[in-house]
Amino acid sequence: MATLRGWAGRLVLLALSIGVSLGIAEAGLALLLSSPPSVLAALPGGTLSHLQAYYLHHERQLVQSMPECARYDPGLFYTLRPGECRFRNREYDTHLVVNSVGVRDDEASLRAPEVIVLGDSFAMGWGVAQQDTFAQVLERELGRPVLNLGVPSYGTVRERRILDRVDTTRLRCLVIQYDDNDPPENELFERNGDRLVINSERAYRQDLLRGGRRSGYWFPKITFEIVRGVVAPREPPPPPSEPPDHQARLFVKAMLRAGSADLSRTQLVVVALNADRLVNAAFIKALTAEIAKPFYPPYLRRLRAVDLSGVLLPEDYYVLDDHLRASGQAKVAAALLPAVRDALSAAP
């Protein structure tokens, strides 16, 4: 009996020791994750990459997976939910104002805008205040409404399709932000015979449940997931399987066939942004070559592709999150402004 009590005491001490050790490790990692950007940016590359991986894969809330901020849509899978909601993660705390179409803009901007922005989370303004999105910066610089139709994770096909839901009778310039979200969606569109296949509402609700589980906390989640990432690291996401010239062809095809809005009198302006903090200059170059082919309609052949090489710096991105700060959004707007102004001045 004494021997059993001795072993039981040792097990209790061991459990307490493990618990205290995990608590210290968990508190230390939580403190690191909450550090100011300057401290995070100064961490050794390996340490920072593990913190980023934990945040991106096991903690970050996705606005499209938050029921208070998004809703199922049978034609697009989801849009943002009309009204207002709070969207926050470790490095930002933002307020979204969403109009009746389900995009982050006001109702006034829906009234026959002359400039419209299409895109994904970069265009929506993930992590920045509403007034700091590059669409809103363009609006202030131009002195006329700019409608922001950016929705997280949309590819070219859904971007083209949501354009059909707004008034384009006075549209003179359409800005399209391209991303690595686009190739898979555009490829699937072609494989399905130029049809957009949308998952069921049940599949969307499952996405909401997965998002809720991912952003939830349990002790010692941070330590466990980071250690697991060190011992069994995730395979890095594969680069787009389609070469740039193929991506460019799929993009143009989606612009031609995925929607019905008449763009024949509209100047198209394309810019590429990626979550890997790299500018996709290869796509921009390939797109410039693709639209030069003589069989495309004139409005596509006069498309302007804006290369952001050398424009965005590391400090224009959040440290943990892979999206642009307000400074990056402002730089994108500045790079786009000459092309948009030219389009407005040239239009009848």
Protein backbone atom coordinates (compact mmCIF):
# COMPACT_ATOMS: atom_id res chain seq x y z
CA MET A 1 0.00 0.00 0.00
CA ALA A 2 2.81 2.37 0.89
CA THR A 3 4.45 1.56 -2.42
CA LEU A 4 1.22 2.37 -4.30
CA ARG A 5 0.88 5.66 -2.44
CA GLY A 6 4.49 6.47 -3.33
CA TRP A 7 3.91 5.84 -7.02
CA ALA A 8 0.67 7.80 -6.93
CA GLY A 9 2.50 10.73 -5.35
CA ARG A 10 5.18 10.59 -8.03
CA LEU A 11 2.55 10.51 -10.79
CA VAL A 12 0.79 13.53 -9.29
CA LEU A 13 4.10 15.40 -9.09
CA LEU A 14 4.89 14.41 -12.69
CA ALA A 15 1.46 15.58 -13.86
CA LEU A 16 1.88 18.86 -12.00
CA SER A 17 5.35 19.29 -13.45
CA ILE A 18 4.08 18.67 -17.00
CA GLY A 19 1.13 20.99 -16.45
CA VAL A 20 3.35 23.78 -15.12
CA SER A 21 5.81 23.31 -18.00
CA LEU A 22 3.01 23.42 -20.56
CA GLY A 23 1.55 26.48 -18.85
CA ILE A 24 4.88 28.30 -19.01
CA ALA A 25 5.39 27.32 -22.66
CA GLU A 26 1.82 28.29 -23.56
CA ALA A 27 2.12 31.66 -21.81
CA GLY A 28 5.46 32.36 -23.48
CA LEU A 29 4.18 31.52 -26.96
CA ALA A 30 0.99 33.50 -26.40
CA LEU A 31 3.12 36.46 -25.33
CA LEU A 32 5.23 36.15 -28.47
CA LEU A 33 2.14 36.02 -30.68
CA SER A 34 0.85 39.18 -29.00
CA SER A 35 4.14 41.04 -29.38
CA PRO A 36 4.31 44.36 -31.26
CA PRO A 37 5.04 44.08 -35.01
CA SER A 38 8.59 45.37 -34.52
CA VAL A 39 9.33 42.54 -32.07
CA LEU A 40 7.74 39.88 -34.28
CA ALA A 41 9.61 41.10 -37.36
CA ALA A 42 12.92 40.89 -35.46
CA LEU A 43 12.45 37.24 -34.49
CA PRO A 44 14.67 34.60 -36.17
CA GLY A 45 13.16 33.41 -39.42
CA GLY A 46 12.44 29.90 -38.18
CA THR A 47 10.67 31.10 -35.04
CA LEU A 48 8.58 33.61 -36.97
CA SER A 49 7.60 31.07 -39.63
CA HIS A 50 6.28 28.68 -36.94
CA LEU A 51 4.26 31.48 -35.34
CA GLN A 52 2.88 32.49 -38.74
CA ALA A 53 1.94 28.90 -39.56
CA TYR A 54 0.14 28.50 -36.23
CA TYR A 55 -1.76 31.76 -36.70
CA LEU A 56 -2.75 31.11 -40.33
CA HIS A 57 -3.76 27.45 -39.97
CA HIS A 58 -5.01 27.10 -36.41
CA GLU A 59 -6.28 30.46 -35.19
CA ARG A 60 -7.11 33.07 -37.82
CA GLN A 61 -10.77 33.81 -38.35
CA LEU A 62 -11.88 33.94 -42.00
CA VAL A 63 -14.54 36.54 -42.57
CA GLN A 64 -16.36 34.28 -45.08
CA SER A 65 -16.63 31.62 -42.33
CA MET A 66 -18.17 33.95 -39.76
CA PRO A 67 -22.01 33.70 -39.77
CA GLU A 68 -22.32 37.25 -38.48
CA CYS A 69 -20.30 38.55 -41.45
CA ALA A 70 -21.17 36.24 -44.37
CA ARG A 71 -24.08 34.29 -45.81
CA TYR A 72 -24.71 31.45 -48.24
CA ASP A 73 -25.48 32.45 -51.80
CA PRO A 74 -26.75 29.85 -54.30
CA GLY A 75 -25.10 31.63 -57.21
CA LEU A 76 -21.73 32.48 -55.65
CA PHE A 77 -21.47 30.10 -52.64
CA TYR A 78 -21.28 33.07 -50.29
CA THR A 79 -21.25 36.84 -50.11
CA LEU A 80 -20.77 39.15 -47.17
CA ARG A 81 -23.86 39.63 -45.01
CA PRO A 82 -25.61 43.01 -45.54
CA GLY A 83 -25.36 45.22 -42.47
CA GLU A 84 -22.42 45.66 -40.13
CA CYS A 85 -20.07 43.30 -38.34
CA ARG A 86 -16.78 43.27 -36.50
CA PHE A 87 -13.87 41.39 -38.10
CA ARG A 88 -10.74 41.05 -36.00
CA ASN A 89 -7.66 38.93 -35.62
CA ARG A 90 -4.40 39.42 -33.71
CA GLU A 91 -3.09 42.36 -35.76
CA TYR A 92 -6.30 44.23 -36.59
CA ASP A 93 -9.80 44.98 -35.41
CA THR A 94 -12.03 46.26 -38.22
CA HIS A 95 -15.62 47.26 -38.76
CA LEU A 96 -17.30 46.07 -41.97
CA VAL A 97 -20.18 47.97 -43.55
CA VAL A 98 -21.84 45.78 -46.20
CA ASN A 99 -24.44 46.89 -48.74
CA SER A 100 -27.45 44.98 -50.10
CA VAL A 101 -25.41 43.21 -52.81
CA GLY A 102 -23.20 41.66 -50.12
CA VAL A 103 -19.98 43.62 -50.64
CA ARG A 104 -18.00 45.96 -48.41
CA ASP A 105 -19.31 49.31 -49.59
CA ASP A 106 -22.25 51.65 -49.06
CA GLU A 107 -25.56 51.74 -50.89
CA ALA A 108 -24.71 55.00 -52.64
CA SER A 109 -21.86 53.34 -54.53
CA LEU A 110 -24.34 50.98 -56.21
CA ARG A 111 -25.93 53.84 -58.16
CA ALA A 112 -24.47 53.37 -61.65
CA PRO A 113 -20.80 53.75 -60.70
CA GLU A 114 -18.23 54.77 -63.30
CA VAL A 115 -15.45 52.76 -61.61
CA ILE A 116 -15.78 49.27 -60.12
CA VAL A 117 -13.17 47.12 -58.37
CA LEU A 118 -13.30 43.32 -58.57
CA GLY A 119 -11.10 41.01 -56.53
CA ASP A 120 -10.75 38.88 -53.41
CA SER A 121 -9.73 39.66 -49.82
CA PHE A 122 -7.05 42.13 -50.96
CA ALA A 123 -9.65 44.19 -52.80
CA MET A 124 -12.17 43.84 -49.95
CA GLY A 125 -9.57 45.33 -47.63
CA TRP A 126 -8.86 42.43 -45.26
CA GLY A 127 -7.48 43.86 -42.03
CA VAL A 128 -7.81 47.56 -42.84
CA ALA A 129 -10.47 50.15 -42.11
CA GLN A 130 -13.15 50.71 -44.73
CA GLN A 131 -11.70 54.05 -45.75
CA ASP A 132 -8.26 52.51 -46.28
CA THR A 133 -9.14 49.98 -48.99
CA PHE A 134 -7.52 50.82 -52.30
CA ALA A 135 -11.01 51.25 -53.78
CA GLN A 136 -11.81 53.96 -51.22
CA VAL A 137 -8.43 55.63 -51.71
CA LEU A 138 -9.14 55.74 -55.45
CA GLU A 139 -12.58 57.20 -54.72
CA ARG A 140 -11.08 60.06 -52.71
CA GLU A 141 -8.38 60.75 -55.29
CA LEU A 142 -10.81 60.70 -58.22
CA GLY A 143 -13.57 62.62 -56.48
CA ARG A 144 -16.22 60.21 -57.76
CA PRO A 145 -17.78 56.95 -56.47
CA VAL A 146 -15.83 53.71 -56.81
CA LEU A 147 -17.79 50.52 -56.09
CA ASN A 148 -15.81 47.82 -54.27
CA LEU A 149 -17.05 44.34 -55.28
CA GLY A 150 -14.12 42.48 -53.65
CA VAL A 151 -15.10 39.29 -51.77
CA PRO A 152 -12.56 37.01 -50.02
CA SER A 153 -11.35 33.95 -51.96
CA TYR A 154 -13.27 34.76 -55.13
CA GLY A 155 -11.60 33.86 -58.42
CA THR A 156 -12.15 35.56 -61.76
CA VAL A 157 -15.30 33.54 -62.51
CA ARG A 158 -17.24 34.63 -59.42
CA GLU A 159 -15.85 38.15 -59.71
CA ARG A 160 -17.24 38.34 -63.22
CA ARG A 161 -20.53 36.83 -62.05
CA ILE A 162 -21.09 39.24 -59.16
CA LEU A 163 -20.61 42.10 -61.62
CA ASP A 164 -23.89 41.02 -63.24
CA ARG A 165 -25.71 41.97 -60.02
CA VAL A 166 -24.94 45.68 -60.19
CA ASP A 167 -25.76 48.55 -62.54
CA THR A 168 -22.98 48.83 -65.15
CA THR A 169 -24.75 51.26 -67.51
CA ARG A 170 -22.24 54.04 -66.76
CA LEU A 171 -19.21 51.83 -66.11
CA ARG A 172 -16.09 53.30 -67.70
CA CYS A 173 -13.26 51.59 -65.81
CA LEU A 174 -13.18 48.10 -64.31
CA VAL A 175 -10.23 47.28 -62.01
CA ILE A 176 -9.62 43.54 -61.55
CA GLN A 177 -7.28 42.31 -58.80
CA TYR A 178 -5.79 38.90 -59.63
CA ASP A 179 -4.53 36.39 -57.06
CA ASP A 180 -3.55 32.73 -56.66
CA ASN A 181 -7.23 32.10 -55.82
CA ASP A 182 -8.04 32.65 -59.48
CA PRO A 183 -6.35 29.77 -61.35
CA PRO A 184 -8.16 26.84 -59.61
CA GLU A 185 -11.57 28.48 -60.02
CA ASN A 186 -10.89 29.48 -63.61
CA GLU A 187 -9.57 25.99 -64.44
CA LEU A 188 -12.65 24.35 -62.92
CA PHE A 189 -14.87 26.68 -64.94
CA GLU A 190 -13.26 25.48 -68.17
CA ARG A 191 -13.36 21.80 -67.17
CA ASN A 192 -17.09 22.11 -66.45
CA GLY A 193 -17.81 23.40 -69.93
CA ASP A 194 -17.73 27.09 -68.96
CA ARG A 195 -20.19 26.54 -66.11
CA LEU A 196 -19.90 27.78 -62.54
CA VAL A 197 -20.71 24.90 -60.18
CA ILE A 198 -21.70 26.02 -56.67
CA ASN A 199 -21.66 23.78 -53.59
CA SER A 200 -24.75 23.34 -51.47
CA GLU A 201 -25.81 25.37 -48.45
CA ARG A 202 -25.03 22.31 -46.35
CA ALA A 203 -21.40 22.42 -47.55
CA TYR A 204 -21.26 26.10 -46.63
CA ARG A 205 -22.57 25.38 -43.13
CA GLN A 206 -19.85 22.76 -42.73
CA ASP A 207 -17.32 25.45 -43.65
CA LEU A 208 -18.78 27.65 -40.91
CA LEU A 209 -18.39 24.82 -38.38
CA ARG A 210 -14.78 24.20 -39.42
CA GLY A 211 -14.05 27.91 -39.12
CA GLY A 212 -15.52 28.00 -35.62
CA ARG A 213 -13.50 25.00 -34.50
CA ARG A 214 -10.29 26.41 -35.92
CA SER A 215 -10.60 29.76 -34.17
CA GLY A 216 -11.57 28.18 -30.83
CA TYR A 217 -9.04 27.74 -28.03
CA TRP A 218 -8.18 24.81 -25.78
CA PHE A 219 -5.21 24.35 -23.44
CA PRO A 220 -2.43 23.98 -24.55
CA LYS A 221 -3.42 24.57 -28.19
CA ILE A 222 -0.59 26.96 -29.15
CA THR A 223 2.18 24.73 -27.76
CA PHE A 224 0.69 21.53 -29.19
CA GLU A 225 0.15 22.90 -32.70
CA ILE A 226 3.54 24.60 -32.92
CA VAL A 227 5.37 21.49 -31.65
CA ARG A 228 3.40 19.37 -34.09
CA GLY A 229 4.38 21.76 -36.86
CA VAL A 230 8.04 21.42 -35.92
CA VAL A 231 7.95 17.62 -35.68
CA ALA A 232 5.70 17.04 -38.69
CA PRO A 233 5.72 20.24 -40.75
CA ARG A 234 2.96 20.86 -43.24
CA GLU A 235 3.76 20.41 -46.87
CA PRO A 236 4.06 23.88 -48.42
CA PRO A 237 1.15 24.67 -50.71
CA PRO A 238 2.03 23.80 -54.27
CA PRO A 239 2.48 26.70 -56.64
CA PRO A 240 -0.23 27.11 -59.29
CA SER A 241 0.10 24.14 -61.59
CA GLU A 242 -0.81 26.24 -64.59
CA PRO A 243 2.05 28.19 -66.19
CA PRO A 244 1.55 31.97 -66.48
CA ASP A 245 0.50 31.87 -70.13
CA HIS A 246 -2.18 29.27 -69.32
CA GLN A 247 -3.36 31.34 -66.34
CA ALA A 248 -3.62 34.37 -68.61
CA ARG A 249 -5.70 32.44 -71.15
CA LEU A 250 -8.04 31.15 -68.43
CA PHE A 251 -8.39 34.65 -67.00
CA VAL A 252 -9.34 36.11 -70.36
CA LYS A 253 -11.78 33.27 -71.00
CA ALA A 254 -13.47 33.88 -67.65
CA MET A 255 -13.77 37.57 -68.43
CA LEU A 256 -15.36 36.71 -71.77
CA ARG A 257 -17.71 33.91 -70.75
CA ALA A 258 -18.41 33.90 -67.02
CA GLY A 259 -20.71 36.92 -66.98
CA SER A 260 -23.14 38.83 -69.14
CA ALA A 261 -22.41 42.48 -68.29
CA ASP A 262 -21.42 44.38 -71.45
CA LEU A 263 -17.82 45.56 -71.13
CA SER A 264 -17.32 46.66 -74.74
CA ARG A 265 -17.07 50.34 -73.76
CA THR A 266 -15.15 49.73 -70.54
CA GLN A 267 -11.43 50.09 -69.89
CA LEU A 268 -10.12 47.05 -68.02
CA VAL A 269 -7.21 47.51 -65.58
CA VAL A 270 -5.61 44.42 -64.01
CA VAL A 271 -3.28 44.21 -61.02
CA ALA A 272 -1.86 41.06 -59.35
CA LEU A 273 -1.54 40.61 -55.57
CA ASN A 274 -0.68 37.40 -53.72
CA ALA A 275 -0.79 36.22 -50.11
CA ASP A 276 2.80 34.97 -50.34
CA ARG A 277 3.98 38.61 -50.34
CA LEU A 278 5.35 38.22 -53.86
CA VAL A 279 4.17 40.18 -56.89
CA ASN A 280 3.05 37.92 -59.73
CA ALA A 281 4.92 39.80 -62.46
CA ALA A 282 5.01 36.65 -64.60
CA PHE A 283 1.21 36.65 -64.86
CA ILE A 284 1.15 40.34 -65.77
CA LYS A 285 3.71 39.74 -68.52
CA ALA A 286 1.81 36.71 -69.82
CA LEU A 287 -1.49 38.59 -69.77
CA THR A 288 0.03 41.43 -71.80
CA ALA A 289 1.11 38.89 -74.42
CA GLU A 290 -2.24 37.07 -74.37
CA ILE A 291 -4.44 40.08 -75.01
CA ALA A 292 -2.31 41.08 -77.99
CA LYS A 293 -3.76 38.16 -79.97
CA PRO A 294 -5.87 39.54 -82.83
CA PHE A 295 -8.98 37.38 -82.27
CA TYR A 296 -9.92 39.02 -78.96
CA PRO A 297 -12.50 41.83 -78.91
CA PRO A 298 -11.12 45.40 -78.80
CA TYR A 299 -12.00 46.02 -75.14
CA LEU A 300 -9.82 43.08 -74.09
CA ARG A 301 -6.98 44.03 -76.39
CA ARG A 302 -6.81 47.51 -74.84
CA LEU A 303 -6.66 46.08 -71.30
CA ARG A 304 -3.97 47.68 -69.13
CA ALA A 305 -1.94 45.41 -66.83
CA VAL A 306 -0.29 47.20 -63.89
CA ASP A 307 2.95 45.64 -62.60
CA LEU A 308 3.53 46.18 -58.86
CA SER A 309 7.15 44.93 -58.92
CA GLY A 310 9.19 47.02 -56.51
CA VAL A 311 6.15 48.87 -55.18
CA LEU A 312 5.25 46.85 -52.08
CA LEU A 313 7.74 46.34 -49.23
CA PRO A 314 7.65 43.82 -46.35
CA GLU A 315 6.44 46.50 -43.96
CA ASP A 316 3.36 47.02 -46.16
CA TYR A 317 2.13 43.58 -45.01
CA TYR A 318 1.10 42.41 -41.58
CA VAL A 319 3.73 40.24 -39.89
CA LEU A 320 1.55 37.25 -38.97
CA ASP A 321 -1.26 37.79 -41.41
CA ASP A 322 -0.52 37.65 -45.15
CA HIS A 323 -2.55 40.72 -46.13
CA LEU A 324 -1.73 44.35 -46.77
CA ARG A 325 -1.67 47.08 -44.17
CA ALA A 326 -3.17 50.47 -45.00
CA SER A 327 0.22 51.59 -46.36
CA GLY A 328 0.16 48.74 -48.90
CA GLN A 329 -3.41 49.50 -49.93
CA ALA A 330 -2.42 53.14 -50.51
CA LYS A 331 0.51 52.07 -52.70
CA VAL A 332 -1.75 49.85 -54.81
CA ALA A 333 -4.16 52.76 -55.27
CA ALA A 334 -1.30 55.06 -56.30
CA ALA A 335 -0.09 52.52 -58.87
CA LEU A 336 -3.59 52.15 -60.32
CA LEU A 337 -4.52 55.82 -60.33
CA PRO A 338 -2.87 56.88 -63.64
CA ALA A 339 -4.55 54.05 -65.57
CA VAL A 340 -7.96 54.78 -64.01
CA ARG A 341 -7.64 58.52 -64.67
CA ASP A 342 -6.69 57.85 -68.28
CA ALA A 343 -9.74 55.61 -68.66
CA LEU A 344 -12.09 58.24 -67.28
CA SER A 345 -10.63 61.04 -69.36
CA ALA A 346 -10.70 58.97 -72.57
CA ALA A 347 -14.25 57.72 -72.19
CA PRO A 348 -16.99 59.67 -74.01
